[in-house]
Amino acid sequence: MPIDSGLSPIHPGELLAEILTDWGISQAQFARAIGVSPMRISHVVNGSRPVTAKLALRFGRAFGQSPQYWSKQPMPNVW
């Protein structure tokens, strides 16, 4: 049974924005590096687009994580 932390889940886009800021990379630079449009990254960061399986794979490769890390992020809009 999952533990209820009482905290709202973080949208994957918020996490992505934090990582990009920490790494000093712009959304456009990241988009070019992983081969997607900057608008697509912007939409994920803004929470208007989900992290698809293909994006999860690209994010995982870019950050040295498994795609499951990104595909299993909680979706706050279901809470």
C-alpha atoms as a PDB file:
ATOM      1  CA  MET A   1       0.000   0.000   0.000  1.00  0.00           C
ATOM      2  CA  PRO A   2       1.473   3.385  -0.984  1.00  0.00           C
ATOM      3  CA  ILE A   3       2.395   5.834   1.717  1.00  0.00           C
ATOM      4  CA  ASP A   4       0.431   9.073   1.612  1.00  0.00           C
ATOM      5  CA  SER A   5       2.943  11.874   2.077  1.00  0.00           C
ATOM      6  CA  GLY A   6       0.248  14.533   2.004  1.00  0.00           C
ATOM      7  CA  LEU A   7       2.115  16.285  -0.793  1.00  0.00           C
ATOM      8  CA  SER A   8       0.667  16.937  -4.206  1.00  0.00           C
ATOM      9  CA  PRO A   9       2.419  15.036  -6.990  1.00  0.00           C
ATOM     10  CA  ILE A  10       4.858  17.008  -9.110  1.00  0.00           C
ATOM     11  CA  HIS A  11       4.150  17.166 -12.834  1.00  0.00           C
ATOM     12  CA  PRO A  12       7.040  15.719 -14.860  1.00  0.00           C
ATOM     13  CA  GLY A  13       7.397  19.101 -16.564  1.00  0.00           C
ATOM     14  CA  GLU A  14       8.233  20.748 -13.250  1.00  0.00           C
ATOM     15  CA  LEU A  15      10.906  18.149 -12.646  1.00  0.00           C
ATOM     16  CA  LEU A  16      12.288  18.643 -16.153  1.00  0.00           C
ATOM     17  CA  ALA A  17      12.411  22.424 -15.650  1.00  0.00           C
ATOM     18  CA  GLU A  18      14.342  21.967 -12.394  1.00  0.00           C
ATOM     19  CA  ILE A  19      16.859  19.629 -14.014  1.00  0.00           C
ATOM     20  CA  LEU A  20      17.416  21.948 -16.970  1.00  0.00           C
ATOM     21  CA  THR A  21      17.927  24.893 -14.617  1.00  0.00           C
ATOM     22  CA  ASP A  22      20.365  22.913 -12.470  1.00  0.00           C
ATOM     23  CA  TRP A  23      22.315  21.855 -15.552  1.00  0.00           C
ATOM     24  CA  GLY A  24      22.271  25.383 -17.030  1.00  0.00           C
ATOM     25  CA  ILE A  25      20.555  24.213 -20.217  1.00  0.00           C
ATOM     26  CA  SER A  26      17.770  26.081 -21.983  1.00  0.00           C
ATOM     27  CA  GLN A  27      14.654  24.302 -23.172  1.00  0.00           C
ATOM     28  CA  ALA A  28      15.695  24.993 -26.771  1.00  0.00           C
ATOM     29  CA  GLN A  29      19.195  23.563 -26.224  1.00  0.00           C
ATOM     30  CA  PHE A  30      17.750  20.453 -24.623  1.00  0.00           C
ATOM     31  CA  ALA A  31      15.193  20.034 -27.398  1.00  0.00           C
ATOM     32  CA  ARG A  32      17.914  20.189 -30.050  1.00  0.00           C
ATOM     33  CA  ALA A  33      20.102  17.764 -28.095  1.00  0.00           C
ATOM     34  CA  ILE A  34      17.378  15.104 -27.952  1.00  0.00           C
ATOM     35  CA  GLY A  35      15.948  15.762 -31.426  1.00  0.00           C
ATOM     36  CA  VAL A  36      12.535  17.253 -30.664  1.00  0.00           C
ATOM     37  CA  SER A  37      11.026  20.672 -31.229  1.00  0.00           C
ATOM     38  CA  PRO A  38      11.531  23.348 -28.569  1.00  0.00           C
ATOM     39  CA  MET A  39       7.750  23.821 -28.511  1.00  0.00           C
ATOM     40  CA  ARG A  40       7.297  20.208 -27.449  1.00  0.00           C
ATOM     41  CA  ILE A  41       9.633  20.677 -24.481  1.00  0.00           C
ATOM     42  CA  SER A  42       7.917  23.945 -23.613  1.00  0.00           C
ATOM     43  CA  HIS A  43       4.546  22.203 -23.559  1.00  0.00           C
ATOM     44  CA  VAL A  44       5.851  19.472 -21.247  1.00  0.00           C
ATOM     45  CA  VAL A  45       7.428  22.041 -18.915  1.00  0.00           C
ATOM     46  CA  ASN A  46       4.208  24.062 -18.849  1.00  0.00           C
ATOM     47  CA  GLY A  47       2.163  20.955 -18.082  1.00  0.00           C
ATOM     48  CA  SER A  48       0.050  21.118 -21.228  1.00  0.00           C
ATOM     49  CA  ARG A  49       1.559  17.982 -22.768  1.00  0.00           C
ATOM     50  CA  PRO A  50       2.316  14.632 -21.140  1.00  0.00           C
ATOM     51  CA  VAL A  51       5.599  12.771 -21.251  1.00  0.00           C
ATOM     52  CA  THR A  52       4.944  10.155 -23.914  1.00  0.00           C
ATOM     53  CA  ALA A  53       6.791   6.842 -24.098  1.00  0.00           C
ATOM     54  CA  LYS A  54       9.031   8.247 -26.847  1.00  0.00           C
ATOM     55  CA  LEU A  55       9.833  11.333 -24.789  1.00  0.00           C
ATOM     56  CA  ALA A  56      10.484   9.189 -21.714  1.00  0.00           C
ATOM     57  CA  LEU A  57      13.020   7.211 -23.742  1.00  0.00           C
ATOM     58  CA  ARG A  58      14.751  10.388 -24.944  1.00  0.00           C
ATOM     59  CA  PHE A  59      14.731  11.966 -21.475  1.00  0.00           C
ATOM     60  CA  GLY A  60      16.119   8.779 -19.974  1.00  0.00           C
ATOM     61  CA  ARG A  61      18.951   8.645 -22.483  1.00  0.00           C
ATOM     62  CA  ALA A  62      19.776  12.322 -21.988  1.00  0.00           C
ATOM     63  CA  PHE A  63      19.859  12.141 -18.194  1.00  0.00           C
ATOM     64  CA  GLY A  64      21.188   8.609 -17.742  1.00  0.00           C
ATOM     65  CA  GLN A  65      17.917   7.365 -16.284  1.00  0.00           C
ATOM     66  CA  SER A  66      15.554   4.625 -17.246  1.00  0.00           C
ATOM     67  CA  PRO A  67      12.588   5.640 -19.408  1.00  0.00           C
ATOM     68  CA  GLN A  68      10.389   4.205 -16.664  1.00  0.00           C
ATOM     69  CA  TYR A  69      11.562   6.977 -14.360  1.00  0.00           C
ATOM     70  CA  TRP A  70       9.829   9.489 -16.631  1.00  0.00           C
ATOM     71  CA  SER A  71       6.892   7.369 -17.723  1.00  0.00           C
ATOM     72  CA  LYS A  72       5.964   6.511 -14.131  1.00  0.00           C
ATOM     73  CA  GLN A  73       5.953  10.098 -12.887  1.00  0.00           C
ATOM     74  CA  PRO A  74       2.609  10.843 -11.243  1.00  0.00           C
ATOM     75  CA  MET A  75       0.105  12.786 -13.254  1.00  0.00           C
ATOM     76  CA  PRO A  76      -1.302  15.485 -10.973  1.00  0.00           C
ATOM     77  CA  ASN A  77      -4.352  16.081 -13.138  1.00  0.00           C
ATOM     78  CA  VAL A  78      -5.810  12.778 -11.935  1.00  0.00           C
ATOM     79  CA  TRP A  79      -5.698  13.828  -8.266  1.00  0.00           C
END
